[in-house]
C-alpha cells in the first residue's frame, strides 16, 4: 500500500481518506485463526520444484488436483 505524504496541517478530509484506504486494505487481508472461504476463487499451491497445482473439491467432498499452466 502506498499512501501519500501527510500534509503539514491536519486535514480531516485527508485523514478520513487515509482511514478508508487502510480499512479497505485490512479487509482484503487474511486473518490468523479465522475461517477462510474461497468461494468462486481458486486455491493454487506451488510445489518445491515450482509446479503449480489447483485444488478442487466435488459435491461429495472429494479433493483433486490439477496442474496450472504458468
N, C-alpha and C. Protein backbone atom coordinates (compact mmCIF):
# COMPACT_ATOMS: atom_id res chain seq x y z
N UNK A 1 0.85 -1.16 0.00
CA UNK A 1 0.00 0.00 0.00
C UNK A 1 0.90 1.23 0.00
N UNK A 2 0.66 2.13 -0.90
CA UNK A 2 1.40 3.39 -0.96
C UNK A 2 0.47 4.53 -0.61
N UNK A 3 0.73 5.13 0.53
CA UNK A 3 -0.08 6.27 0.97
C UNK A 3 0.67 7.55 0.67
N UNK A 4 -0.06 8.62 0.35
CA UNK A 4 0.61 9.89 0.09
C UNK A 4 1.20 10.46 1.37
N UNK A 5 2.13 11.37 1.21
CA UNK A 5 2.72 12.04 2.37
C UNK A 5 1.66 12.86 3.10
N UNK A 6 1.81 12.94 4.40
CA UNK A 6 0.85 13.69 5.21
C UNK A 6 1.01 15.19 4.98
N UNK A 7 -0.10 15.91 5.00
CA UNK A 7 0.01 17.37 4.87
C UNK A 7 0.63 17.96 6.13
N UNK A 8 1.18 19.15 6.02
CA UNK A 8 1.80 19.83 7.17
C UNK A 8 0.78 20.21 8.22
N UNK A 9 -0.44 20.51 7.79
CA UNK A 9 -1.51 20.91 8.70
C UNK A 9 -2.59 19.83 8.67
N UNK A 10 -3.14 19.52 9.83
CA UNK A 10 -4.17 18.49 9.92
C UNK A 10 -5.33 18.82 8.99
N UNK A 11 -5.75 17.80 8.24
CA UNK A 11 -6.85 17.96 7.30
C UNK A 11 -7.81 16.79 7.53
N UNK A 12 -9.02 17.03 8.04
CA UNK A 12 -9.93 15.94 8.35
C UNK A 12 -10.35 15.12 7.12
N UNK A 13 -10.46 15.76 5.97
CA UNK A 13 -10.83 15.04 4.75
C UNK A 13 -9.69 14.08 4.37
N UNK A 14 -8.46 14.57 4.42
CA UNK A 14 -7.30 13.73 4.14
C UNK A 14 -7.26 12.54 5.09
N UNK A 15 -7.45 12.79 6.38
CA UNK A 15 -7.40 11.73 7.38
C UNK A 15 -8.50 10.71 7.16
N UNK A 16 -9.67 11.16 6.79
CA UNK A 16 -10.78 10.26 6.50
C UNK A 16 -10.46 9.36 5.31
N UNK A 17 -9.87 9.93 4.27
CA UNK A 17 -9.48 9.15 3.09
C UNK A 17 -8.42 8.11 3.44
N UNK A 18 -7.45 8.50 4.25
CA UNK A 18 -6.40 7.57 4.68
C UNK A 18 -7.01 6.44 5.50
N UNK A 19 -7.89 6.77 6.42
CA UNK A 19 -8.54 5.75 7.25
C UNK A 19 -9.32 4.76 6.37
N UNK A 20 -10.01 5.26 5.36
CA UNK A 20 -10.76 4.39 4.46
C UNK A 20 -9.82 3.46 3.69
N UNK A 21 -8.71 3.98 3.18
CA UNK A 21 -7.75 3.16 2.44
C UNK A 21 -7.17 2.06 3.32
N UNK A 22 -6.85 2.39 4.55
CA UNK A 22 -6.30 1.40 5.48
C UNK A 22 -7.34 0.34 5.80
N UNK A 23 -8.58 0.75 6.03
CA UNK A 23 -9.65 -0.21 6.34
C UNK A 23 -9.90 -1.15 5.16
N UNK A 24 -9.89 -0.64 3.94
CA UNK A 24 -10.09 -1.48 2.76
C UNK A 24 -8.95 -2.48 2.59
N UNK A 25 -7.72 -2.03 2.81
CA UNK A 25 -6.58 -2.93 2.71
C UNK A 25 -6.63 -4.00 3.80
N UNK A 26 -7.01 -3.60 5.00
CA UNK A 26 -7.11 -4.55 6.10
C UNK A 26 -8.19 -5.59 5.83
N UNK A 27 -9.30 -5.18 5.27
CA UNK A 27 -10.40 -6.09 4.96
C UNK A 27 -9.96 -7.16 3.96
N UNK A 28 -9.08 -6.79 3.03
CA UNK A 28 -8.64 -7.71 1.99
C UNK A 28 -7.63 -8.73 2.50
N UNK A 29 -7.04 -8.52 3.67
CA UNK A 29 -6.04 -9.43 4.22
C UNK A 29 -6.68 -10.62 4.90
N UNK A 30 -6.01 -11.77 4.81
CA UNK A 30 -6.44 -12.96 5.54
C UNK A 30 -6.01 -12.79 6.99
N UNK A 31 -6.85 -13.23 7.89
CA UNK A 31 -6.58 -13.09 9.32
C UNK A 31 -6.17 -14.43 9.92
N UNK A 32 -5.29 -14.38 10.92
CA UNK A 32 -4.92 -15.59 11.65
C UNK A 32 -6.11 -16.08 12.47
N UNK A 33 -6.16 -17.39 12.66
CA UNK A 33 -7.21 -18.02 13.48
C UNK A 33 -8.62 -17.68 13.01
N UNK A 34 -8.79 -17.56 11.70
CA UNK A 34 -10.11 -17.25 11.14
C UNK A 34 -10.42 -18.25 10.03
N UNK A 35 -11.68 -18.50 9.80
CA UNK A 35 -12.10 -19.37 8.72
C UNK A 35 -11.84 -18.66 7.39
N UNK A 36 -11.28 -19.39 6.45
CA UNK A 36 -11.00 -18.82 5.13
C UNK A 36 -11.92 -19.52 4.13
N UNK A 37 -12.77 -18.77 3.47
CA UNK A 37 -13.64 -19.31 2.43
C UNK A 37 -13.23 -18.70 1.11
N UNK A 38 -12.98 -19.56 0.14
CA UNK A 38 -12.51 -19.10 -1.14
C UNK A 38 -13.66 -18.80 -2.09
N UNK A 39 -14.78 -19.50 -1.95
CA UNK A 39 -15.94 -19.23 -2.80
C UNK A 39 -15.65 -19.53 -4.26
N UNK A 40 -15.85 -18.56 -5.12
CA UNK A 40 -15.67 -18.77 -6.56
C UNK A 40 -14.20 -18.68 -6.97
N UNK A 41 -13.33 -18.32 -6.05
CA UNK A 41 -11.90 -18.22 -6.36
C UNK A 41 -11.25 -19.58 -6.46
N UNK A 42 -9.94 -19.60 -6.65
CA UNK A 42 -9.18 -20.84 -6.76
C UNK A 42 -8.14 -20.91 -5.66
N UNK A 43 -7.83 -22.15 -5.26
CA UNK A 43 -6.73 -22.39 -4.33
C UNK A 43 -5.62 -23.04 -5.14
N UNK A 44 -4.50 -22.32 -5.31
CA UNK A 44 -3.37 -22.81 -6.08
C UNK A 44 -2.18 -22.88 -5.15
N UNK A 45 -1.55 -24.06 -5.11
CA UNK A 45 -0.35 -24.26 -4.30
C UNK A 45 0.82 -24.56 -5.23
N UNK A 46 2.02 -24.16 -4.79
CA UNK A 46 3.21 -24.40 -5.59
C UNK A 46 4.08 -25.42 -4.88
N UNK A 47 4.51 -26.44 -5.63
CA UNK A 47 5.37 -27.48 -5.06
C UNK A 47 6.81 -26.97 -5.00
N UNK A 48 7.69 -27.67 -4.27
CA UNK A 48 9.08 -27.22 -4.17
C UNK A 48 9.78 -27.10 -5.52
N UNK A 49 9.37 -27.89 -6.52
CA UNK A 49 10.03 -27.78 -7.83
C UNK A 49 9.41 -26.69 -8.71
N UNK A 50 8.43 -25.97 -8.18
CA UNK A 50 7.85 -24.84 -8.90
C UNK A 50 6.56 -25.16 -9.64
N UNK A 51 6.15 -26.44 -9.69
CA UNK A 51 4.90 -26.79 -10.34
C UNK A 51 3.73 -26.26 -9.52
N UNK A 52 2.76 -25.68 -10.20
CA UNK A 52 1.59 -25.12 -9.53
C UNK A 52 0.41 -26.06 -9.70
N UNK A 53 -0.32 -26.29 -8.59
CA UNK A 53 -1.47 -27.19 -8.59
C UNK A 53 -2.70 -26.47 -8.06
N UNK A 54 -3.82 -26.66 -8.76
CA UNK A 54 -5.10 -26.16 -8.29
C UNK A 54 -5.78 -27.28 -7.51
N UNK A 55 -6.32 -26.97 -6.34
CA UNK A 55 -7.04 -27.94 -5.53
C UNK A 55 -8.52 -27.70 -5.71
N UNK A 56 -9.25 -28.79 -6.00
CA UNK A 56 -10.70 -28.70 -6.21
C UNK A 56 -11.40 -29.68 -5.27
N UNK A 57 -12.67 -29.42 -5.00
CA UNK A 57 -13.49 -30.33 -4.21
C UNK A 57 -14.79 -30.57 -4.98
N UNK A 58 -15.23 -31.85 -4.99
CA UNK A 58 -16.50 -32.15 -5.67
C UNK A 58 -17.65 -32.11 -4.65
N UNK A 59 -18.85 -32.38 -5.11
CA UNK A 59 -20.03 -32.29 -4.24
C UNK A 59 -20.06 -33.34 -3.13
N UNK A 60 -19.20 -34.36 -3.22
CA UNK A 60 -19.11 -35.37 -2.16
C UNK A 60 -17.98 -35.06 -1.17
N UNK A 61 -17.25 -33.98 -1.41
CA UNK A 61 -16.16 -33.60 -0.53
C UNK A 61 -14.82 -34.20 -0.92
N UNK A 62 -14.76 -34.87 -2.06
CA UNK A 62 -13.50 -35.45 -2.53
C UNK A 62 -12.60 -34.37 -3.11
N UNK A 63 -11.32 -34.41 -2.75
CA UNK A 63 -10.35 -33.44 -3.25
C UNK A 63 -9.63 -33.99 -4.46
N UNK A 64 -9.29 -33.11 -5.38
CA UNK A 64 -8.47 -33.49 -6.53
C UNK A 64 -7.55 -32.31 -6.85
N UNK A 65 -6.50 -32.61 -7.58
CA UNK A 65 -5.58 -31.56 -8.00
C UNK A 65 -5.38 -31.64 -9.50
N UNK A 66 -5.03 -30.52 -10.07
CA UNK A 66 -4.64 -30.48 -11.48
C UNK A 66 -3.59 -29.41 -11.63
N UNK A 67 -2.67 -29.64 -12.55
CA UNK A 67 -1.60 -28.67 -12.75
C UNK A 67 -2.17 -27.40 -13.38
N UNK A 68 -1.54 -26.31 -13.05
CA UNK A 68 -1.92 -24.99 -13.56
C UNK A 68 -0.78 -24.49 -14.42
N UNK A 69 -1.08 -24.13 -15.64
CA UNK A 69 -0.04 -23.61 -16.52
C UNK A 69 0.33 -22.20 -16.07
N UNK A 70 1.59 -21.87 -16.24
CA UNK A 70 2.07 -20.55 -15.81
C UNK A 70 1.88 -19.51 -16.86
